[in-house]
Amino acid sequence: MSTLWTPDGEHPVGSEAAPSDDPSRDALSPEEAERAEALAREMAAVQEQLADTPADVIVSTHLMGLFELGAIHLSQQPPNLSQAALAIDAMGAVVDRLQGRLGENEETLRGALNQIRLAYVGVQQAEDAPEGEVAPEEDTDPADA
C-alpha cells in the first residue's frame, strides 16, 4: 500500500485507499476528495516516471542544480562565498565519488565542475584584492577552490 505524507500524517493512496481507511478523508467535501484522488494519481504517475528513468540521469540533473546554486551564490553582490563553496564541494564530492558511473553526462558534469571551481577562485581573488585593484591572474588548481 502506498502512502502520501502530509503535515497531518501518512495517508493511504491508490486503489487500496478506501474512505474508511482514513478518518480525515470523511471530513473532505466531494470536490476536495476528488482533488485529493487526482493528486494521488498524479503523484503515482510521477513516481512511475522516476522509476523508469535511469538513476544516472536523475543524479546528473541534481548535480547541475548544485552547479546552478553555486553560480547563483557567486553572482550575488557581494558574493556569498561560503554558500557557493558548499554547493561546489557537494557537487565535487558526488562527481568524484561516482567516477565512471554517471553515464554519458559524466564528461559534461566534470567540465561544469571545473568551470564553477575556476569561477569561484576568480570571484574569491577579486573579493580579496584591494578596492580599485584588479586581482592578478594566477594558475590555480580548481580542486583547491
Protein backbone atom coordinates (compact mmCIF):
# COMPACT_ATOMS: atom_id res chain seq x y z
CA MET A 1 0.00 0.00 0.00
CA SER A 2 1.34 3.44 -0.93
CA THR A 3 1.00 6.39 1.37
CA LEU A 4 1.23 10.15 0.97
CA TRP A 5 2.90 12.17 3.70
CA THR A 6 1.20 15.41 4.70
CA PRO A 7 1.60 17.62 7.74
CA ASP A 8 -1.44 15.76 9.13
CA GLY A 9 0.40 12.43 8.84
CA GLU A 10 0.52 9.50 6.42
CA HIS A 11 -2.48 8.92 4.18
CA PRO A 12 -3.11 5.83 2.02
CA VAL A 13 -3.27 6.47 -1.73
CA GLY A 14 -4.28 4.44 -4.72
CA SER A 15 -6.99 1.86 -5.15
CA GLU A 16 -6.36 0.39 -1.68
CA ALA A 17 -7.34 3.66 -0.01
CA ALA A 18 -10.99 3.37 0.86
CA PRO A 19 -12.67 6.24 2.74
CA SER A 20 -12.99 4.10 5.85
CA ASP A 21 -9.16 3.67 5.89
CA ASP A 22 -8.66 7.36 6.57
CA PRO A 23 -10.97 9.17 9.01
CA SER A 24 -9.73 12.61 7.86
CA ARG A 25 -10.98 11.85 4.35
CA ASP A 26 -14.56 11.77 5.67
CA ALA A 27 -14.18 15.46 6.56
CA LEU A 28 -13.47 16.38 2.92
CA SER A 29 -16.12 17.76 0.63
CA PRO A 30 -16.74 15.70 -2.54
CA GLU A 31 -14.73 18.27 -4.55
CA GLU A 32 -11.82 18.14 -2.10
CA ALA A 33 -11.89 14.34 -2.11
CA GLU A 34 -11.84 14.35 -5.92
CA ARG A 35 -8.86 16.75 -5.93
CA ALA A 36 -7.07 14.59 -3.37
CA GLU A 37 -7.61 11.49 -5.52
CA ALA A 38 -6.41 13.35 -8.63
CA LEU A 39 -3.30 14.48 -6.77
CA ALA A 40 -2.65 10.93 -5.59
CA ARG A 41 -2.94 9.66 -9.19
CA GLU A 42 -0.57 12.38 -10.42
CA MET A 43 1.96 11.53 -7.72
CA ALA A 44 1.77 7.85 -8.59
CA ALA A 45 2.39 8.71 -12.25
CA VAL A 46 5.42 10.83 -11.31
CA GLN A 47 6.79 8.00 -9.17
CA GLU A 48 6.37 5.62 -12.09
CA GLN A 49 8.19 8.06 -14.39
CA LEU A 50 11.04 8.37 -11.90
CA ALA A 51 11.29 4.60 -11.58
CA ASP A 52 11.53 4.34 -15.39
CA THR A 53 14.28 6.99 -15.63
CA PRO A 54 17.88 5.79 -15.22
CA ALA A 55 19.38 6.93 -11.92
CA ASP A 56 22.40 8.50 -13.66
CA VAL A 57 20.05 10.91 -15.44
CA ILE A 58 18.33 11.93 -12.19
CA VAL A 59 21.66 12.30 -10.35
CA SER A 60 23.07 14.38 -13.23
CA THR A 61 20.07 16.70 -13.03
CA HIS A 62 20.60 17.19 -9.31
CA LEU A 63 24.31 17.82 -9.84
CA MET A 64 23.53 20.56 -12.35
CA GLY A 65 21.22 22.03 -9.72
CA LEU A 66 24.21 22.22 -7.36
CA PHE A 67 26.22 23.87 -10.16
CA GLU A 68 23.46 26.47 -10.60
CA LEU A 69 23.22 27.03 -6.85
CA GLY A 70 26.95 27.69 -6.67
CA ALA A 71 26.74 30.10 -9.61
CA ILE A 72 23.84 31.96 -8.00
CA HIS A 73 25.80 32.48 -4.79
CA LEU A 74 28.87 33.61 -6.74
CA SER A 75 26.82 36.17 -8.67
CA GLN A 76 25.33 37.84 -5.59
CA GLN A 77 26.54 41.30 -4.65
CA PRO A 78 28.54 40.75 -2.55
CA PRO A 79 29.22 37.12 -3.46
CA ASN A 80 28.31 34.57 -0.80
CA LEU A 81 31.50 32.53 -0.99
CA SER A 82 30.73 30.16 1.89
CA GLN A 83 27.40 29.11 0.39
CA ALA A 84 28.92 28.82 -3.10
CA ALA A 85 31.73 26.67 -1.70
CA LEU A 86 29.23 24.34 -0.05
CA ALA A 87 27.32 23.78 -3.29
CA ILE A 88 30.53 23.38 -5.32
CA ASP A 89 32.07 20.99 -2.78
CA ALA A 90 28.88 18.92 -2.70
CA MET A 91 28.89 18.67 -6.49
CA GLY A 92 32.57 17.74 -6.46
CA ALA A 93 32.10 15.09 -3.80
CA VAL A 94 29.41 13.32 -5.80
CA VAL A 95 31.15 13.66 -9.18
CA ASP A 96 34.44 12.39 -7.74
CA ARG A 97 32.87 9.57 -5.73
CA LEU A 98 30.75 8.31 -8.64
CA GLN A 99 33.54 8.43 -11.22
CA GLY A 100 32.73 6.06 -14.06
CA ARG A 101 29.08 5.65 -13.02
CA LEU A 102 27.46 8.87 -14.26
CA GLY A 103 26.85 7.67 -17.81
CA GLU A 104 27.05 9.86 -20.87
CA ASN A 105 26.75 13.04 -18.79
CA GLU A 106 29.91 12.44 -16.79
CA GLU A 107 32.27 14.41 -19.05
CA THR A 108 29.87 17.35 -19.12
CA LEU A 109 29.49 17.26 -15.33
CA ARG A 110 33.25 17.14 -14.81
CA GLY A 111 33.70 20.10 -17.17
CA ALA A 112 30.98 22.06 -15.38
CA LEU A 113 32.61 21.30 -12.04
CA ASN A 114 35.98 22.56 -13.26
CA GLN A 115 34.39 25.74 -14.62
CA ILE A 116 32.50 26.55 -11.43
CA ARG A 117 35.66 25.91 -9.40
CA LEU A 118 37.59 28.32 -11.62
CA ALA A 119 34.80 30.88 -11.32
CA TYR A 120 34.92 30.53 -7.52
CA VAL A 121 38.67 31.18 -7.47
CA GLY A 122 38.24 34.21 -9.73
CA VAL A 123 35.50 35.70 -7.57
CA GLN A 124 37.45 34.95 -4.40
CA GLN A 125 40.57 36.67 -5.77
CA ALA A 126 38.51 39.68 -6.85
CA GLU A 127 37.00 39.90 -3.36
CA ASP A 128 40.45 39.67 -1.72
CA ALA A 129 42.02 42.34 -3.97
CA PRO A 130 42.26 45.85 -2.53
CA GLU A 131 39.48 48.14 -3.78
CA GLY A 132 40.18 49.54 -7.24
CA GLU A 133 42.91 46.98 -7.91
CA VAL A 134 42.35 44.08 -10.29
CA ALA A 135 43.30 40.68 -8.89
CA PRO A 136 46.28 39.13 -10.71
CA GLU A 137 45.69 36.15 -12.97
CA GLU A 138 47.23 33.06 -11.40
CA ASP A 139 47.46 29.43 -12.35
CA THR A 140 45.44 27.73 -9.64
CA ASP A 141 44.28 24.21 -9.26
CA PRO A 142 40.44 24.28 -9.43
CA ALA A 143 40.32 21.45 -6.91
CA ASP A 144 41.73 23.86 -4.31
CA ALA A 145 38.59 26.00 -4.55
